[in-house]
Amino acid sequence: MSRALALVAALACLTACAAPTEVPNPTPTLSSSALDLPPGYQDNPQRTAACSDTSTDSLDPATGPLGPDGRPDGPHVRRVREQGLRVGVSQTGQFRSKRDLITGELSGLEIDITRRIAAALGVPAGDEGLRMIGLPTGGRLYSLDTGANRTAKEGDDRLADVPEVDLVIAGVSVTACRVETHDLRFSRPYMQTHSGLLVRAGLSGVAGPEDLAGGKVCSGGGTTNSDEMIDVRDRQRREGRRELVPVAVNDTSDCLMLLQRGLVDAVYSDVLILHGYQAQDPGTVLLDYRSPVTTKAAVAVSGEQEDLLRFVNGVLDDMRRDGSLGQAYDTWFRGLAPHHRLPVPEDPYRR
């Protein structure tokens, strides 16, 4: 891991009445003290800070200045065209954004979207054009150039070398807290999904998180998934029941390793991620469980760069109109179980 990514990981580490039910058929849990744990590993992490009712509405591409090509224009769009586009992506998001360990190439729905945005900007691939920078799950939003992030960097030397990007396209769920905490804006959503539960083969009697009382459930630190497991634990505590133990790590991909080593009993995350993990390790089982909440993923952009946000929304609108977003869905998600595959999200901001 580069020094910059290690610094992002360090930040994520900082931020982030029924009868008792046993975990059925638990695998003996290994002593974590005898093993190297992944960066940011935490038992019972803190919930992300509560936020006010901040709007997550995006911007209409037609509401600002347009360039000669009829697309949104402005200083940040022109800067990217001159200096290149830097995009923060995942490297382990099967179907969304994954790096081939042999060729080094990235592929997935989010990579298709990234390349479409770059092409619309006239930015070529390569170091002088489109640069896709791998970011861990935790702390990825600190890579945007915003007032809140600059203040955070001034107050913590460990953030001095955090990589800076223009866009983050890495399965980021749209939440008001992220808008408020990072001074960012979200594009119109390009994907919707729900969370699921991955367990070891042979673990019986588990239909959802509530059945894992006494067990450990891993999620990416600082994510909505981690917060949901903390909420389940707190509800069990209030009702006097035995509690599950939420576990957080900087990058969600480390949860699979912890499951394989017997250090956690389940992984709770986006079902798209879990489908990828199950494909990597047939010794795991993706349950039929679906979280009650549907989440929408969008491109994260600095709140100070509204022209770039409008440009991104214009590209996403084009992809909806010409069917290429739907085609990308069919290409990358065709192997998913029907009940885990949600349709392309409609534009909720079009008036």
Protein backbone atom coordinates (compact mmCIF):
# COMPACT_ATOMS: atom_id res chain seq x y z
CA MET A 1 0.00 0.00 0.00
CA SER A 2 1.32 3.45 -0.88
CA ARG A 3 2.01 6.00 1.82
CA ALA A 4 -0.93 8.08 0.58
CA LEU A 5 -3.40 5.21 0.79
CA ALA A 6 -2.03 4.22 4.19
CA LEU A 7 -2.75 7.74 5.39
CA VAL A 8 -6.33 7.57 4.11
CA ALA A 9 -6.70 4.25 5.92
CA ALA A 10 -5.35 5.74 9.15
CA LEU A 11 -7.95 8.49 8.99
CA ALA A 12 -10.78 6.04 8.47
CA CYS A 13 -9.60 4.20 11.56
CA LEU A 14 -9.93 7.39 13.61
CA THR A 15 -13.31 8.40 12.27
CA ALA A 16 -15.18 5.76 12.17
CA CYS A 17 -36.45 -8.70 24.76
CA ALA A 18 -36.30 -12.28 23.42
CA ALA A 19 -34.28 -15.09 24.88
CA PRO A 20 -30.55 -14.90 24.09
CA THR A 21 -29.71 -16.63 20.82
CA GLU A 22 -26.41 -18.34 20.14
CA VAL A 23 -24.75 -18.23 16.72
CA PRO A 24 -25.60 -21.65 15.25
CA ASN A 25 -22.65 -23.93 14.46
CA PRO A 26 -19.97 -21.30 15.07
CA THR A 27 -16.49 -21.88 13.72
CA PRO A 28 -13.96 -21.64 16.56
CA THR A 29 -12.80 -18.05 16.60
CA LEU A 30 -9.05 -17.60 16.40
CA SER A 31 -7.29 -15.30 18.83
CA SER A 32 -6.92 -11.94 17.10
CA SER A 33 -3.88 -11.18 19.26
CA ALA A 34 -2.02 -14.03 17.57
CA LEU A 35 -2.72 -12.76 14.06
CA ASP A 36 -2.03 -9.65 12.05
CA LEU A 37 -5.27 -7.74 11.69
CA PRO A 38 -6.05 -5.54 8.66
CA PRO A 39 -5.68 -1.73 8.84
CA GLY A 40 -8.35 0.00 10.88
CA TYR A 41 -9.71 -3.20 12.47
CA GLN A 42 -12.14 -2.30 15.26
CA ASP A 43 -14.55 -4.27 17.38
CA ASN A 44 -17.66 -2.22 18.23
CA PRO A 45 -16.71 0.90 16.23
CA GLN A 46 -18.46 4.19 16.83
CA ARG A 47 -21.38 5.21 14.66
CA THR A 48 -20.71 8.07 12.26
CA ALA A 49 -21.71 11.45 13.65
CA ALA A 50 -25.35 12.46 13.42
CA CYS A 51 -26.07 15.13 10.83
CA SER A 52 -28.74 17.69 10.18
CA ASP A 53 -31.32 17.28 7.44
CA THR A 54 -28.96 18.44 4.69
CA SER A 55 -30.28 18.27 1.15
CA THR A 56 -28.77 15.69 -1.20
CA ASP A 57 -30.40 17.14 -4.31
CA SER A 58 -28.10 17.41 -7.29
CA LEU A 59 -27.83 20.04 -10.07
CA ASP A 60 -29.51 20.20 -13.46
CA PRO A 61 -26.95 20.32 -16.29
CA ALA A 62 -28.97 23.05 -18.02
CA THR A 63 -28.92 25.50 -15.09
CA GLY A 64 -25.41 26.87 -15.67
CA PRO A 65 -23.16 28.13 -18.48
CA LEU A 66 -22.78 25.91 -21.54
CA GLY A 67 -19.72 25.55 -23.74
CA PRO A 68 -19.53 25.44 -27.56
CA ASP A 69 -20.30 21.71 -27.43
CA GLY A 70 -23.57 22.37 -25.60
CA ARG A 71 -22.30 20.77 -22.41
CA PRO A 72 -21.90 22.44 -19.00
CA ASP A 73 -18.83 24.65 -18.84
CA GLY A 74 -16.84 26.46 -16.17
CA PRO A 75 -13.38 26.82 -14.65
CA HIS A 76 -13.18 23.31 -13.23
CA VAL A 77 -14.36 21.66 -16.43
CA ARG A 78 -11.72 23.64 -18.34
CA ARG A 79 -9.03 22.75 -15.79
CA VAL A 80 -9.77 19.04 -16.13
CA ARG A 81 -9.68 19.29 -19.90
CA GLU A 82 -6.26 20.95 -19.72
CA GLN A 83 -4.69 19.02 -16.84
CA GLY A 84 -6.42 15.63 -16.94
CA LEU A 85 -9.14 13.91 -14.92
CA ARG A 86 -8.35 12.18 -11.62
CA VAL A 87 -10.97 9.71 -10.41
CA GLY A 88 -10.95 7.80 -7.12
CA VAL A 89 -12.16 4.24 -7.68
CA SER A 90 -12.37 0.92 -5.91
CA GLN A 91 -10.01 -1.87 -6.92
CA THR A 92 -11.93 -4.71 -5.27
CA GLY A 93 -15.57 -4.03 -6.19
CA GLN A 94 -16.57 -7.04 -8.28
CA PHE A 95 -18.95 -5.97 -11.11
CA ARG A 96 -18.48 -2.29 -10.16
CA SER A 97 -14.74 -1.64 -10.26
CA LYS A 98 -12.15 -4.37 -9.95
CA ARG A 99 -8.49 -4.59 -10.95
CA ASP A 100 -7.32 -7.70 -12.77
CA LEU A 101 -4.33 -9.00 -10.81
CA ILE A 102 -2.68 -10.32 -13.98
CA THR A 103 -3.22 -7.50 -16.48
CA GLY A 104 -3.64 -4.65 -14.00
CA GLU A 105 -6.69 -3.45 -15.94
CA LEU A 106 -9.76 -2.07 -14.17
CA SER A 107 -13.25 -3.10 -15.27
CA GLY A 108 -16.85 -2.84 -14.11
CA LEU A 109 -19.90 -0.59 -14.25
CA GLU A 110 -18.15 2.33 -12.55
CA ILE A 111 -15.15 2.06 -14.87
CA ASP A 112 -17.51 2.25 -17.87
CA ILE A 113 -19.04 5.41 -16.40
CA THR A 114 -15.62 6.89 -15.65
CA ARG A 115 -14.44 6.34 -19.21
CA ARG A 116 -17.65 7.81 -20.62
CA ILE A 117 -17.16 10.98 -18.55
CA ALA A 118 -13.53 11.23 -19.65
CA ALA A 119 -14.48 10.77 -23.29
CA ALA A 120 -17.10 13.53 -23.06
CA LEU A 121 -14.44 15.82 -21.58
CA GLY A 122 -12.02 14.91 -24.35
CA VAL A 123 -9.57 13.49 -21.82
CA PRO A 124 -7.43 10.60 -23.13
CA ALA A 125 -6.34 7.60 -21.09
CA GLY A 126 -2.88 7.61 -19.50
CA ASP A 127 -0.98 9.66 -16.94
CA GLU A 128 -1.56 12.90 -18.84
CA GLY A 129 -5.27 12.25 -19.24
CA LEU A 130 -7.52 9.95 -17.25
CA ARG A 131 -5.95 8.70 -14.04
CA MET A 132 -7.91 6.22 -11.95
CA ILE A 133 -6.60 6.14 -8.39
CA GLY A 134 -7.46 3.19 -6.14
CA LEU A 135 -8.88 4.26 -2.78
CA PRO A 136 -9.79 2.11 0.24
CA THR A 137 -13.41 2.13 1.38
CA GLY A 138 -12.74 4.12 4.54
CA GLY A 139 -11.64 7.73 4.07
CA ARG A 140 -12.16 7.81 0.29
CA LEU A 141 -14.15 11.06 0.43
CA TYR A 142 -11.26 12.96 2.02
CA SER A 143 -9.62 12.89 -1.41
CA LEU A 144 -11.97 15.59 -2.71
CA ASP A 145 -10.75 19.20 -2.59
CA THR A 146 -13.28 20.81 -0.24
CA GLY A 147 -13.16 23.30 2.59
CA ALA A 148 -14.03 20.67 5.20
CA ASN A 149 -11.36 18.30 3.90
CA ARG A 150 -8.71 21.04 3.78
CA THR A 151 -9.47 21.88 7.40
CA ALA A 152 -9.16 18.22 8.35
CA LYS A 153 -5.78 17.99 6.63
CA GLU A 154 -4.49 21.08 8.39
CA GLY A 155 -5.38 19.51 11.72
CA ASP A 156 -3.82 16.11 11.09
CA ASP A 157 -0.32 15.63 9.64
CA ARG A 158 -1.20 12.09 8.62
CA LEU A 159 -3.44 13.53 5.90
CA ALA A 160 -0.74 15.60 4.25
CA ASP A 161 -0.18 13.11 1.42
CA VAL A 162 -3.76 11.98 0.87
CA PRO A 163 -4.26 11.71 -2.91
CA GLU A 164 -6.46 14.43 -4.38
CA VAL A 165 -9.05 13.53 -7.02
CA ASP A 166 -11.71 15.36 -9.01
CA LEU A 167 -14.39 12.69 -8.68
CA VAL A 168 -15.01 9.66 -6.48
CA ILE A 169 -16.85 6.86 -8.29
CA ALA A 170 -16.58 4.01 -5.82
CA GLY A 171 -20.01 2.80 -4.73
CA VAL A 172 -20.56 5.86 -2.52
CA SER A 173 -24.08 5.82 -1.05
CA VAL A 174 -25.94 9.13 -1.12
CA THR A 175 -26.34 10.42 2.45
CA ALA A 176 -26.88 13.84 3.99
CA CYS A 177 -24.09 13.18 6.49
CA ARG A 178 -21.52 12.85 3.74
CA VAL A 179 -22.68 16.09 2.15
CA GLU A 180 -22.37 17.89 5.47
CA THR A 181 -19.16 16.27 6.71
CA HIS A 182 -17.15 16.65 3.51
CA ASP A 183 -18.72 19.72 1.83
CA LEU A 184 -19.37 17.59 -1.25
CA ARG A 185 -22.22 17.28 -3.73
CA PHE A 186 -23.63 14.13 -5.29
CA SER A 187 -24.49 13.53 -8.91
CA ARG A 188 -27.74 12.00 -9.96
CA PRO A 189 -27.61 8.32 -8.92
CA TYR A 190 -26.26 5.78 -11.39
CA MET A 191 -26.89 2.63 -9.35
CA GLN A 192 -29.21 1.35 -6.64
CA THR A 193 -28.73 -1.66 -4.45
CA HIS A 194 -29.36 -3.08 -1.00
CA SER A 195 -27.18 -4.75 1.58
CA GLY A 196 -26.92 -8.47 2.20
CA LEU A 197 -25.20 -11.00 4.42
CA LEU A 198 -22.35 -13.37 3.52
CA VAL A 199 -21.63 -16.26 5.91
CA ARG A 200 -19.52 -19.41 6.04
CA ALA A 201 -20.90 -22.54 4.41
CA GLY A 202 -22.50 -24.77 7.05
CA LEU A 203 -23.66 -21.94 9.29
CA SER A 204 -27.29 -22.92 9.84
CA GLY A 205 -30.25 -21.12 11.33
CA VAL A 206 -29.16 -17.69 10.12
CA ALA A 207 -31.59 -15.70 8.00
CA GLY A 208 -30.41 -12.19 8.86
CA PRO A 209 -28.28 -10.09 11.20
CA GLU A 210 -30.65 -10.61 14.14
CA ASP A 211 -29.74 -14.33 14.12
CA LEU A 212 -26.04 -13.57 14.67
CA ALA A 213 -26.31 -12.53 18.33
CA GLY A 214 -22.99 -13.27 19.98
CA GLY A 215 -21.20 -13.34 16.62
CA LYS A 216 -19.06 -10.81 14.79
CA VAL A 217 -20.30 -9.06 11.65
CA CYS A 218 -17.79 -7.16 9.48
CA SER A 219 -18.37 -4.07 7.33
CA GLY A 220 -16.28 -1.27 5.88
CA GLY A 221 -15.54 1.39 8.49
CA GLY A 222 -17.44 4.67 8.21
CA THR A 223 -20.01 3.16 5.81
CA THR A 224 -23.78 3.04 6.04
CA ASN A 225 -23.42 -0.76 6.38
CA SER A 226 -21.32 -0.39 9.51
CA ASP A 227 -23.85 2.06 10.97
CA GLU A 228 -26.69 -0.41 10.31
CA MET A 229 -24.92 -3.17 12.27
CA ILE A 230 -24.27 -0.75 15.13
CA ASP A 231 -28.00 0.05 15.10
CA VAL A 232 -28.87 -3.67 15.28
CA ARG A 233 -26.51 -4.15 18.22
CA ASP A 234 -27.96 -1.14 20.05
CA ARG A 235 -31.51 -2.37 19.51
CA GLN A 236 -30.60 -5.80 20.89
CA ARG A 237 -29.01 -4.10 23.89
CA ARG A 238 -32.09 -1.97 24.60
CA GLU A 239 -34.30 -5.07 24.42
CA GLY A 240 -32.06 -6.99 26.83
CA ARG A 241 -31.01 -9.51 24.21
CA ARG A 242 -27.57 -10.88 23.51
CA GLU A 243 -25.83 -8.60 21.03
CA LEU A 244 -23.92 -9.13 17.84
CA VAL A 245 -20.50 -7.48 17.63
CA PRO A 246 -20.01 -5.04 14.74
CA VAL A 247 -16.51 -5.12 13.26
CA ALA A 248 -15.08 -2.38 11.04
CA VAL A 249 -12.06 -2.38 8.70
CA ASN A 250 -10.70 0.30 6.40
CA ASP A 251 -11.39 -1.61 3.21
CA THR A 252 -14.42 -3.89 2.93
CA SER A 253 -12.37 -6.47 1.00
CA ASP A 254 -10.53 -7.27 4.25
CA CYS A 255 -13.82 -8.63 5.65
CA LEU A 256 -13.59 -11.64 3.35
CA MET A 257 -10.13 -12.48 4.68
CA LEU A 258 -11.42 -12.19 8.26
CA LEU A 259 -14.34 -14.51 7.42
CA GLN A 260 -11.97 -17.05 5.87
CA ARG A 261 -9.72 -16.98 8.94
CA GLY A 262 -12.62 -17.46 11.36
CA LEU A 263 -12.20 -14.02 12.92
CA VAL A 264 -15.75 -12.92 11.99
CA ASP A 265 -18.96 -14.85 11.43
CA ALA A 266 -20.45 -12.80 8.59
CA VAL A 267 -19.88 -9.89 6.23
CA TYR A 268 -22.60 -7.24 5.87
CA SER A 269 -22.23 -5.11 2.77
CA ASP A 270 -23.58 -4.16 -0.64
CA VAL A 271 -24.87 -7.34 -2.31
CA LEU A 272 -22.85 -6.50 -5.43
CA ILE A 273 -19.69 -6.69 -3.34
CA LEU A 274 -20.86 -9.88 -1.63
CA HIS A 275 -21.64 -11.60 -4.93
CA GLY A 276 -18.01 -10.96 -5.90
CA TYR A 277 -16.71 -12.38 -2.63
CA GLN A 278 -18.87 -15.48 -2.99
CA ALA A 279 -17.50 -16.00 -6.50
CA GLN A 280 -13.95 -15.77 -5.12
CA ASP A 281 -14.64 -18.23 -2.30
CA PRO A 282 -17.29 -20.92 -2.92
CA GLY A 283 -16.90 -21.83 0.77
CA THR A 284 -19.11 -18.84 1.57
CA VAL A 285 -22.86 -18.46 1.21
CA LEU A 286 -24.74 -15.32 0.22
CA LEU A 287 -28.05 -15.46 2.08
CA ASP A 288 -31.40 -14.48 0.56
CA TYR A 289 -31.60 -11.69 3.15
CA ARG A 290 -32.22 -8.19 1.79
CA SER A 291 -31.79 -5.08 3.90
CA PRO A 292 -35.02 -3.08 4.28
CA VAL A 293 -33.33 0.05 2.92
CA THR A 294 -32.46 0.60 -0.74
CA THR A 295 -29.38 2.74 -1.20
CA LYS A 296 -28.42 4.78 -4.24
CA ALA A 297 -24.84 5.31 -5.37
CA ALA A 298 -23.70 8.50 -7.08
CA VAL A 299 -20.55 10.31 -8.15
CA ALA A 300 -19.11 12.46 -5.36
CA VAL A 301 -17.79 15.89 -6.39
CA SER A 302 -16.44 18.84 -4.39
CA GLY A 303 -19.22 21.24 -3.46
CA GLU A 304 -16.99 24.03 -4.78
CA GLN A 305 -16.98 22.57 -8.31
CA GLU A 306 -20.58 22.85 -9.43
CA ASP A 307 -19.71 23.15 -13.12
CA LEU A 308 -17.99 19.76 -12.98
CA LEU A 309 -21.01 18.29 -11.16
CA ARG A 310 -23.37 19.59 -13.85
CA PHE A 311 -21.10 18.09 -16.50
CA VAL A 312 -21.17 14.67 -14.82
CA ASN A 313 -24.96 14.83 -14.56
CA GLY A 314 -25.18 15.64 -18.26
CA VAL A 315 -23.15 12.52 -19.10
CA LEU A 316 -25.30 10.34 -16.84
CA ASP A 317 -28.42 11.79 -18.49
CA ASP A 318 -26.97 10.85 -21.89
CA MET A 319 -26.28 7.31 -20.68
CA ARG A 320 -29.87 6.92 -19.53
CA ARG A 321 -31.28 8.30 -22.78
CA ASP A 322 -29.13 6.26 -25.16
CA GLY A 323 -29.52 3.07 -23.12
CA SER A 324 -25.80 2.60 -22.43
CA LEU A 325 -26.30 2.69 -18.65
CA GLY A 326 -28.89 -0.06 -18.91
CA GLN A 327 -26.60 -2.03 -21.22
CA ALA A 328 -23.77 -1.74 -18.69
CA TYR A 329 -26.15 -3.03 -16.01
CA ASP A 330 -26.96 -6.04 -18.19
CA THR A 331 -23.28 -6.67 -18.90
CA TRP A 332 -22.00 -6.55 -15.35
CA PHE A 333 -24.98 -7.65 -13.25
CA ARG A 334 -26.48 -10.43 -15.38
CA GLY A 335 -25.04 -13.12 -13.10
CA LEU A 336 -26.72 -11.78 -9.96
CA ALA A 337 -29.66 -13.51 -8.33
CA PRO A 338 -32.87 -11.78 -9.50
CA HIS A 339 -33.89 -10.72 -5.99
CA HIS A 340 -30.50 -9.03 -5.54
CA ARG A 341 -30.59 -7.12 -8.82
CA LEU A 342 -32.32 -3.75 -8.71
CA PRO A 343 -33.13 -1.74 -11.86
CA VAL A 344 -31.30 1.34 -13.10
CA PRO A 345 -32.41 4.18 -10.82
CA GLU A 346 -34.69 6.80 -12.31
CA ASP A 347 -33.56 10.40 -12.02
CA PRO A 348 -35.17 11.61 -8.77
CA TYR A 349 -34.14 15.24 -9.31
CA ARG A 350 -35.69 15.92 -12.69
CA ARG A 351 -38.52 18.38 -12.27
